Amino acid sequence: MFTIKVTTASGKEVIESGYGIQWTPYAYKLDYTDHNNCGDSLTLQPGDKAEIINSAGHTVARYVNDIKLQDALISITRPGSAL
């Protein structure tokens, strides 16, 4: 079982527990199985950060929805824009 700690852009924390964690990069989404053996997911909003923490208290993975990177991607992929 892992702890999933999400820190929102505004500084609030959301704590969940789960296993079988999968990260979908372009959707900024964590899919996992919670402590009740139910499938669940968390979607990171722009500026949110997630940490996966093991039972020893060590962070084993970090995921970020970087708003600066999104702004850059939007400007590159905007329809009708020249590269």
N, C-alpha and C. Protein backbone atom coordinates (compact mmCIF):
# COMPACT_ATOMS: atom_id res chain seq x y z
N MET A 1 0.86 -1.17 0.00
CA MET A 1 0.00 0.00 0.00
C MET A 1 0.90 1.24 0.00
N PHE A 2 0.55 2.20 -0.81
CA PHE A 2 1.29 3.44 -0.91
C PHE A 2 0.41 4.59 -0.45
N THR A 3 1.04 5.68 -0.04
CA THR A 3 0.33 6.92 0.25
C THR A 3 0.47 7.81 -0.98
N ILE A 4 -0.65 8.38 -1.40
CA ILE A 4 -0.66 9.32 -2.52
C ILE A 4 -0.96 10.68 -1.93
N LYS A 5 0.01 11.57 -1.99
CA LYS A 5 -0.14 12.91 -1.42
C LYS A 5 -0.16 13.93 -2.55
N VAL A 6 -1.28 14.62 -2.69
CA VAL A 6 -1.41 15.66 -3.71
C VAL A 6 -1.39 17.01 -3.02
N THR A 7 -0.52 17.89 -3.48
CA THR A 7 -0.50 19.27 -3.02
C THR A 7 -1.02 20.13 -4.16
N THR A 8 -2.13 20.82 -3.90
CA THR A 8 -2.75 21.63 -4.95
C THR A 8 -1.97 22.92 -5.16
N ALA A 9 -2.25 23.59 -6.25
CA ALA A 9 -1.59 24.86 -6.56
C ALA A 9 -1.82 25.88 -5.46
N SER A 10 -2.95 25.78 -4.75
CA SER A 10 -3.26 26.73 -3.67
C SER A 10 -2.69 26.29 -2.33
N GLY A 11 -1.98 25.13 -2.29
CA GLY A 11 -1.32 24.69 -1.07
C GLY A 11 -2.09 23.69 -0.23
N LYS A 12 -3.29 23.33 -0.62
CA LYS A 12 -4.06 22.33 0.12
C LYS A 12 -3.50 20.94 -0.17
N GLU A 13 -3.66 20.03 0.81
CA GLU A 13 -3.17 18.67 0.63
C GLU A 13 -4.33 17.67 0.61
N VAL A 14 -4.23 16.70 -0.28
CA VAL A 14 -5.18 15.60 -0.37
C VAL A 14 -4.36 14.33 -0.18
N ILE A 15 -4.76 13.50 0.79
CA ILE A 15 -4.04 12.27 1.08
C ILE A 15 -4.95 11.08 0.77
N GLU A 16 -4.44 10.14 -0.01
CA GLU A 16 -5.16 8.90 -0.34
C GLU A 16 -4.20 7.74 -0.13
N SER A 17 -4.74 6.54 -0.05
CA SER A 17 -3.89 5.35 -0.02
C SER A 17 -4.31 4.44 -1.16
N GLY A 18 -3.34 3.73 -1.72
CA GLY A 18 -3.68 2.86 -2.83
C GLY A 18 -2.50 2.04 -3.30
N TYR A 19 -2.78 1.18 -4.25
CA TYR A 19 -1.75 0.36 -4.88
C TYR A 19 -2.12 0.18 -6.34
N GLY A 20 -1.21 -0.44 -7.11
CA GLY A 20 -1.47 -0.60 -8.54
C GLY A 20 -1.58 0.75 -9.23
N ILE A 21 -0.71 1.67 -8.86
CA ILE A 21 -0.80 3.05 -9.33
C ILE A 21 -0.26 3.16 -10.76
N GLN A 22 -1.04 3.81 -11.62
CA GLN A 22 -0.63 4.07 -13.00
C GLN A 22 -0.78 5.55 -13.30
N TRP A 23 0.21 6.12 -13.96
CA TRP A 23 0.22 7.54 -14.32
C TRP A 23 -0.05 7.68 -15.80
N THR A 24 -1.01 8.52 -16.16
CA THR A 24 -1.30 8.83 -17.56
C THR A 24 -0.78 10.25 -17.81
N PRO A 25 0.38 10.39 -18.47
CA PRO A 25 1.05 11.68 -18.56
C PRO A 25 0.24 12.81 -19.18
N TYR A 26 -0.36 12.58 -20.34
CA TYR A 26 -1.00 13.70 -21.03
C TYR A 26 -2.36 14.06 -20.45
N ALA A 27 -2.91 13.17 -19.62
CA ALA A 27 -4.17 13.48 -18.93
C ALA A 27 -3.90 13.96 -17.51
N TYR A 28 -2.63 13.91 -17.07
CA TYR A 28 -2.25 14.28 -15.71
C TYR A 28 -3.11 13.54 -14.69
N LYS A 29 -3.22 12.22 -14.87
CA LYS A 29 -4.15 11.43 -14.08
C LYS A 29 -3.45 10.23 -13.45
N LEU A 30 -3.74 10.00 -12.15
CA LEU A 30 -3.27 8.82 -11.44
C LEU A 30 -4.45 7.88 -11.27
N ASP A 31 -4.34 6.68 -11.80
CA ASP A 31 -5.34 5.64 -11.57
C ASP A 31 -4.77 4.68 -10.54
N TYR A 32 -5.58 4.25 -9.58
CA TYR A 32 -5.10 3.36 -8.54
C TYR A 32 -6.26 2.56 -7.95
N THR A 33 -5.91 1.55 -7.18
CA THR A 33 -6.90 0.78 -6.43
C THR A 33 -6.81 1.25 -4.99
N ASP A 34 -7.95 1.66 -4.41
CA ASP A 34 -7.92 2.20 -3.05
C ASP A 34 -7.98 1.09 -2.00
N HIS A 35 -8.02 1.48 -0.73
CA HIS A 35 -7.99 0.52 0.37
C HIS A 35 -9.24 -0.37 0.43
N ASN A 36 -10.30 -0.02 -0.29
CA ASN A 36 -11.51 -0.84 -0.35
C ASN A 36 -11.53 -1.73 -1.60
N ASN A 37 -10.38 -1.84 -2.29
CA ASN A 37 -10.26 -2.60 -3.54
C ASN A 37 -11.14 -2.06 -4.65
N CYS A 38 -11.40 -0.78 -4.63
CA CYS A 38 -12.18 -0.12 -5.68
C CYS A 38 -11.23 0.71 -6.54
N GLY A 39 -11.49 0.74 -7.84
CA GLY A 39 -10.70 1.58 -8.73
C GLY A 39 -11.02 3.04 -8.47
N ASP A 40 -10.02 3.88 -8.49
CA ASP A 40 -10.21 5.31 -8.26
C ASP A 40 -9.17 6.06 -9.08
N SER A 41 -9.33 7.37 -9.15
CA SER A 41 -8.35 8.18 -9.89
C SER A 41 -8.30 9.58 -9.31
N LEU A 42 -7.18 10.22 -9.54
CA LEU A 42 -6.97 11.62 -9.19
C LEU A 42 -6.42 12.31 -10.43
N THR A 43 -7.00 13.44 -10.79
CA THR A 43 -6.51 14.22 -11.92
C THR A 43 -5.84 15.47 -11.38
N LEU A 44 -4.59 15.67 -11.74
CA LEU A 44 -3.86 16.85 -11.29
C LEU A 44 -4.27 18.05 -12.13
N GLN A 45 -4.68 19.10 -11.46
CA GLN A 45 -5.01 20.35 -12.11
C GLN A 45 -3.72 21.14 -12.33
N PRO A 46 -3.72 22.15 -13.19
CA PRO A 46 -2.50 22.93 -13.41
C PRO A 46 -1.92 23.45 -12.09
N GLY A 47 -0.64 23.19 -11.89
CA GLY A 47 0.05 23.61 -10.68
C GLY A 47 0.05 22.58 -9.56
N ASP A 48 -0.72 21.50 -9.69
CA ASP A 48 -0.77 20.45 -8.66
C ASP A 48 0.46 19.55 -8.75
N LYS A 49 0.82 18.97 -7.60
CA LYS A 49 1.94 18.03 -7.52
C LYS A 49 1.48 16.81 -6.74
N ALA A 50 1.92 15.63 -7.15
CA ALA A 50 1.59 14.39 -6.43
C ALA A 50 2.88 13.66 -6.09
N GLU A 51 2.89 13.07 -4.89
CA GLU A 51 4.00 12.23 -4.46
C GLU A 51 3.46 10.86 -4.12
N ILE A 52 4.18 9.83 -4.49
CA ILE A 52 3.86 8.47 -4.10
C ILE A 52 4.88 8.10 -3.02
N ILE A 53 4.38 7.74 -1.83
CA ILE A 53 5.23 7.48 -0.68
C ILE A 53 5.05 6.02 -0.26
N ASN A 54 6.16 5.30 -0.08
CA ASN A 54 6.06 3.89 0.29
C ASN A 54 5.88 3.73 1.80
N SER A 55 5.77 2.49 2.27
CA SER A 55 5.49 2.22 3.68
C SER A 55 6.65 2.62 4.59
N ALA A 56 7.84 2.80 4.04
CA ALA A 56 8.99 3.25 4.82
C ALA A 56 9.06 4.77 4.91
N GLY A 57 8.11 5.45 4.27
CA GLY A 57 8.07 6.91 4.31
C GLY A 57 8.92 7.60 3.26
N HIS A 58 9.40 6.84 2.29
CA HIS A 58 10.23 7.41 1.23
C HIS A 58 9.40 7.73 -0.01
N THR A 59 9.64 8.89 -0.59
CA THR A 59 8.98 9.25 -1.84
C THR A 59 9.61 8.44 -2.96
N VAL A 60 8.78 7.67 -3.66
CA VAL A 60 9.29 6.82 -4.74
C VAL A 60 8.94 7.35 -6.12
N ALA A 61 8.03 8.33 -6.19
CA ALA A 61 7.67 8.93 -7.48
C ALA A 61 7.06 10.31 -7.24
N ARG A 62 7.27 11.20 -8.19
CA ARG A 62 6.66 12.53 -8.15
C ARG A 62 6.05 12.81 -9.52
N TYR A 63 4.89 13.42 -9.50
CA TYR A 63 4.21 13.81 -10.74
C TYR A 63 3.78 15.26 -10.59
N VAL A 64 3.91 16.03 -11.66
CA VAL A 64 3.59 17.46 -11.62
C VAL A 64 2.80 17.83 -12.87
N ASN A 65 1.76 18.63 -12.67
CA ASN A 65 1.07 19.25 -13.81
C ASN A 65 1.60 20.67 -13.85
N ASP A 66 2.67 20.87 -14.62
CA ASP A 66 3.39 22.14 -14.67
C ASP A 66 2.65 23.13 -15.56
N ILE A 67 2.11 24.16 -14.96
CA ILE A 67 1.33 25.15 -15.71
C ILE A 67 2.20 25.87 -16.74
N LYS A 68 3.49 26.08 -16.45
CA LYS A 68 4.37 26.74 -17.41
C LYS A 68 4.57 25.87 -18.65
N LEU A 69 4.73 24.57 -18.44
CA LEU A 69 4.88 23.66 -19.56
C LEU A 69 3.61 23.62 -20.39
N GLN A 70 2.44 23.63 -19.73
CA GLN A 70 1.17 23.62 -20.46
C GLN A 70 1.03 24.89 -21.30
N ASP A 71 1.40 26.03 -20.73
CA ASP A 71 1.32 27.28 -21.48
C ASP A 71 2.20 27.20 -22.73
N ALA A 72 3.38 26.61 -22.60
CA ALA A 72 4.28 26.47 -23.75
C ALA A 72 3.68 25.54 -24.78
N LEU A 73 3.10 24.43 -24.33
CA LEU A 73 2.49 23.49 -25.27
C LEU A 73 1.29 24.11 -25.98
N ILE A 74 0.50 24.88 -25.25
CA ILE A 74 -0.66 25.54 -25.86
C ILE A 74 -0.20 26.50 -26.94
N SER A 75 0.87 27.26 -26.68
CA SER A 75 1.32 28.23 -27.67
C SER A 75 1.92 27.53 -28.89
N ILE A 76 2.50 26.36 -28.71
CA ILE A 76 3.08 25.63 -29.83
C ILE A 76 2.00 24.96 -30.67
N THR A 77 0.96 24.45 -30.02
CA THR A 77 -0.03 23.65 -30.73
C THR A 77 -1.31 24.39 -31.06
N ARG A 78 -1.34 25.68 -30.84
CA ARG A 78 -2.55 26.45 -31.15
C ARG A 78 -2.82 26.38 -32.65
N PRO A 79 -4.03 25.99 -33.03
CA PRO A 79 -4.36 25.89 -34.46
C PRO A 79 -4.12 27.22 -35.18
N GLY A 80 -3.52 27.11 -36.35
CA GLY A 80 -3.28 28.29 -37.17
C GLY A 80 -2.02 29.04 -36.82
N SER A 81 -1.30 28.58 -35.80
CA SER A 81 -0.08 29.30 -35.44
C SER A 81 1.10 28.74 -36.23
N ALA A 82 2.02 29.60 -36.54
CA ALA A 82 3.23 29.18 -37.26
C ALA A 82 4.26 28.71 -36.26
N LEU A 83 5.02 27.69 -36.63
CA LEU A 83 6.08 27.21 -35.75
C LEU A 83 7.38 27.90 -36.05
